[in-house]
Amino acid sequence: MFTFDQLAGFIAVAEELHFGRAAERLNMTQPPLSRQIQKLEKIVGAELLERDNRKVELTPAGHTFLKEARRLMALAERAPVTARRIASGKSGVLRIGFTAASGFSILGPLLEELSGIIPDVEIELQELVTGDQLAGLVTGELDLGLARPPFDTETFDSHLLYRESMMLAVPEGHRLTLLDRSITADDFSDEPLIMHSPTQARYFYDLVVRMLPIRHANVVHTVSQILTMVSLVAAKRGLAFVPHSATLLGIRGVQFLPLEDGGHEQVELHALWGRRITNPALSRLLKDLEFAME
């Protein structure tokens, strides 16, 4: 395999097209430079330079090899800088998992804040339910999660990003919109309901059934995504219990009403990360983010 000294010698000769000037540029004498080029050509297995007593020219193979040699030298020069930036958290990749609901609420502002703190770090996003985020954090496939409780506090460190209340999504013009008050369980006791999946949206399902007396005979659809729930409400398929942030979706034909038993800020979203941090970019982020310093 050729050496970087041989590449540097070849590049100098290829650019100067003169062994004497190239040797002077490299602070060496001409004979060892000539030997470097000869060894390089032997390793490559092709003649790179045509030379005689009057001139030096690149062969077709030499022209092609010059492009690759410059690229390799640039990579070699950049590698230590890149390594130092990654070690300091100024470069690298940060892999973030997020729930669908956080995607239309806090994700945008959070990414804007991250871009100010770690502008040269590449952000990779994965939309995942909380269970899959927790698994990804354990295996190292994720660095940071935006997820719902519960989670193992011995395994994960966390910060509560925000709390919000649950709302009742109803079709526009529904009779409940005329009540001009918070909605009670009696108000929707005979209404068709669109419920969260007890497996794929376990957090919201448990929260709703704990908070409200749900008549499961009234459930007409069971889905996992809040966007789907609100879309079904717009299609007049039933009523749905959604977090307040769903009002940001802007889906036409839907109104959001306060729940008497859901007015407290019961829906939580946490930033989660493993207690054993191996990604320098995450360490730097946590030092600078406001929630990490509280």
Foldseek 3Di string as FASTA:
>chain_A
DADLVLLLLLLLCAVVQDQCRSCVVVVHHRVVSVVSPVVVCVVVVHRQWDDDPPTIHGDPVVVVVNVVSVVVVVCVVCVVVVVVCQLQLLEEEAEEEEEPLCVLPVPVVVVVVLCVQRVHYHYHYDHAAQVVVVVCQVVVVHFKYWYFDDDDVVFKDKFWPDFFWKWKKAFPPPPVVPPPDADELVNCVQWAEEEEDCPLQVVRRVVDVVQHVDDVVRYDHYYHDPVVRNVCNQVVVTMYIDTPSVVSVPDPRMDIGHHPSTRDRDTIIMMIHTPDHDGSSVVSVLVPDPRSVD
